[in-house]
């Protein structure tokens, strides 16, 4: 059996799969890395939504802590998302509204005007963090601010 020249190797069928693999592996690696990066962003978004909801639940259960005292709400948000780096909590938006949602008052010193029924507390908590992809992707910024807010209504009179 005669020995084959290196040039003959690239003309044979045996080299076709090697060449195909050389073309497809970079594409598959980019796809895998993109999926991992997207998964990280989705996980962070989910953590922010859960943390904002935890803060809103705490505020709804403790309405007396809301005006002026936001440290306990911030602690509730932070304790729900301990692995989120750079977590920030915006100042809670607190007020009262009619139980049917028709009228809103930013101050609960007096009931909202025009309530035909009882009024309730309404609290909105917003949590945010910066997401930075591991790899620079074309068309994707090097960092993004992800944010989530939760609004709950509770108690009142």
Protein backbone atom coordinates (compact mmCIF):
# COMPACT_ATOMS: atom_id res chain seq x y z
CA UNK A 1 0.00 0.00 0.00
CA UNK A 2 1.55 3.26 -1.05
CA UNK A 3 1.95 6.05 1.49
CA UNK A 4 -0.31 9.02 1.13
CA UNK A 5 0.85 12.54 0.67
CA UNK A 6 -0.44 15.25 3.04
CA UNK A 7 -2.26 16.90 0.15
CA UNK A 8 -4.16 13.67 -0.50
CA UNK A 9 -5.37 13.68 3.11
CA UNK A 10 -7.46 16.81 2.54
CA UNK A 11 -9.02 15.33 -0.57
CA UNK A 12 -10.14 12.14 1.12
CA UNK A 13 -13.48 11.51 2.80
CA UNK A 14 -11.70 10.88 6.08
CA UNK A 15 -10.81 14.56 6.42
CA UNK A 16 -14.32 15.82 5.70
CA UNK A 17 -15.56 15.20 9.24
CA UNK A 18 -12.48 16.89 10.68
CA UNK A 19 -13.06 20.00 8.57
CA UNK A 20 -16.78 20.03 9.41
CA UNK A 21 -15.94 19.78 13.09
CA UNK A 22 -13.51 22.67 12.81
CA UNK A 23 -16.31 24.84 11.42
CA UNK A 24 -19.06 23.78 13.83
CA UNK A 25 -17.18 23.78 17.19
CA UNK A 26 -16.73 27.58 17.39
CA UNK A 27 -20.40 28.06 16.60
CA UNK A 28 -21.45 25.57 19.28
CA UNK A 29 -19.11 27.16 21.84
CA UNK A 30 -20.54 30.63 21.12
CA UNK A 31 -24.04 29.22 21.46
CA UNK A 32 -23.17 27.58 24.78
CA UNK A 33 -21.52 30.72 26.18
CA UNK A 34 -24.45 32.86 25.04
CA UNK A 35 -26.88 30.53 26.76
CA UNK A 36 -24.88 30.68 29.98
CA UNK A 37 -24.70 34.49 29.87
CA UNK A 38 -28.43 34.77 29.13
CA UNK A 39 -29.15 32.34 31.97
CA UNK A 40 -27.16 34.48 34.39
CA UNK A 41 -29.13 37.58 33.38
CA UNK A 42 -32.42 35.72 33.74
CA UNK A 43 -31.41 34.40 37.17
CA UNK A 44 -30.49 37.91 38.33
CA UNK A 45 -33.80 39.25 37.05
CA UNK A 46 -35.67 36.52 38.90
CA UNK A 47 -33.74 37.20 42.11
CA UNK A 48 -34.57 40.92 41.87
CA UNK A 49 -38.27 40.19 41.39
CA UNK A 50 -38.29 37.88 44.40
CA UNK A 51 -36.38 40.36 46.55
CA UNK A 52 -38.70 43.24 45.65
CA UNK A 53 -41.70 41.07 46.49
CA UNK A 54 -40.15 40.09 49.84
CA UNK A 55 -39.63 43.76 50.69
CA UNK A 56 -43.20 44.61 49.71
CA UNK A 57 -44.51 41.73 51.83
CA UNK A 58 -42.50 42.94 54.82
CA UNK A 59 -43.81 46.48 54.34
CA UNK A 60 -47.39 45.26 53.97
CA UNK A 61 -47.11 43.28 57.21
CA UNK A 62 -45.44 46.17 59.06
CA UNK A 63 -47.09 49.36 57.76
CA UNK A 64 -45.90 51.41 60.72
CA UNK A 65 -42.27 50.91 59.63
CA UNK A 66 -42.82 52.48 56.23
CA UNK A 67 -42.87 56.26 56.74
CA UNK A 68 -39.34 57.35 57.55
CA UNK A 69 -37.98 53.91 58.46
CA UNK A 70 -36.80 52.11 55.33
CA UNK A 71 -33.79 50.25 56.76
CA UNK A 72 -35.91 47.27 57.82
CA UNK A 73 -37.48 47.07 54.36
CA UNK A 74 -34.04 47.25 52.75
CA UNK A 75 -32.87 44.47 55.08
CA UNK A 76 -35.84 42.31 54.04
CA UNK A 77 -34.96 42.85 50.37
CA UNK A 78 -31.25 42.14 50.94
CA UNK A 79 -31.91 39.01 53.00
CA UNK A 80 -34.02 37.55 50.19
CA UNK A 81 -31.22 38.06 47.64
CA UNK A 82 -27.91 37.57 49.49
CA UNK A 83 -26.01 36.50 46.37
CA UNK A 84 -26.92 39.53 44.23
CA UNK A 85 -23.89 41.82 44.01
CA UNK A 86 -24.55 45.56 44.08
CA UNK A 87 -28.20 45.24 45.11
CA UNK A 88 -29.85 48.63 45.60
CA UNK A 89 -33.30 49.39 46.91
CA UNK A 90 -35.07 52.58 45.89
CA UNK A 91 -37.00 54.58 48.45
CA UNK A 92 -40.33 52.80 48.97
CA UNK A 93 -43.36 54.51 47.47
CA UNK A 94 -46.02 54.41 50.12
CA UNK A 95 -49.55 55.70 50.28
CA UNK A 96 -53.22 54.88 50.69
CA UNK A 97 -55.90 54.20 48.14
CA UNK A 98 -59.53 53.26 48.06
CA UNK A 99 -60.04 49.51 48.27
CA UNK A 100 -61.61 49.60 44.81
CA UNK A 101 -58.47 51.38 43.45
CA UNK A 102 -60.23 54.59 42.42
CA UNK A 103 -58.42 57.21 44.48
CA UNK A 104 -54.84 57.41 45.76
CA UNK A 105 -53.26 59.57 48.45
CA UNK A 106 -49.49 59.77 48.97
CA UNK A 107 -50.08 60.60 52.63
CA UNK A 108 -52.13 58.37 54.86
CA UNK A 109 -52.78 61.12 57.41
CA UNK A 110 -56.32 61.26 56.07
CA UNK A 111 -58.24 58.75 53.96
CA UNK A 112 -58.19 59.27 50.20
CA UNK A 113 -61.04 61.46 48.98
CA UNK A 114 -64.03 59.89 47.38
CA UNK A 115 -63.71 56.42 48.88
CA UNK A 116 -67.04 54.68 48.73
CA UNK A 117 -65.57 51.77 50.64
CA UNK A 118 -62.62 51.26 52.97
CA UNK A 119 -59.10 52.36 52.14
CA UNK A 120 -55.93 50.25 52.06
CA UNK A 121 -52.18 50.81 52.26
CA UNK A 122 -50.28 50.52 48.97
CA UNK A 123 -46.52 49.99 48.94
CA UNK A 124 -44.18 49.72 45.95
CA UNK A 125 -40.63 48.43 46.38
CA UNK A 126 -38.05 48.60 43.58
CA UNK A 127 -34.84 46.55 43.65
CA UNK A 128 -32.08 46.89 41.07
CA UNK A 129 -28.61 45.59 40.30
CA UNK A 130 -26.07 45.91 37.50
CA UNK A 131 -25.50 42.91 35.24
CA UNK A 132 -22.27 42.58 33.30
CA UNK A 133 -21.98 39.77 30.74
CA UNK A 134 -18.92 37.54 31.00
CA UNK A 135 -18.16 37.95 27.32
CA UNK A 136 -18.44 40.98 25.03
CA UNK A 137 -21.30 40.27 22.64
CA UNK A 138 -21.92 42.38 19.55
CA UNK A 139 -24.83 44.72 20.14
CA UNK A 140 -24.99 44.00 23.89
CA UNK A 141 -23.77 46.73 26.29
CA UNK A 142 -20.91 45.91 28.66
CA UNK A 143 -23.24 46.41 31.65
CA UNK A 144 -26.99 46.71 32.11
CA UNK A 145 -29.12 47.93 34.99
CA UNK A 146 -31.77 45.32 35.76
CA UNK A 147 -34.67 46.41 37.92
CA UNK A 148 -37.84 44.91 39.31
CA UNK A 149 -40.64 46.36 41.38
CA UNK A 150 -43.46 44.87 43.41
CA UNK A 151 -46.62 46.57 44.60
CA UNK A 152 -48.80 45.18 47.37
CA UNK A 153 -51.91 46.42 49.08
CA UNK A 154 -52.81 45.58 52.66
CA UNK A 155 -54.89 46.50 55.69
CA UNK A 156 -56.09 49.99 56.30
CA UNK A 157 -59.53 50.89 57.55
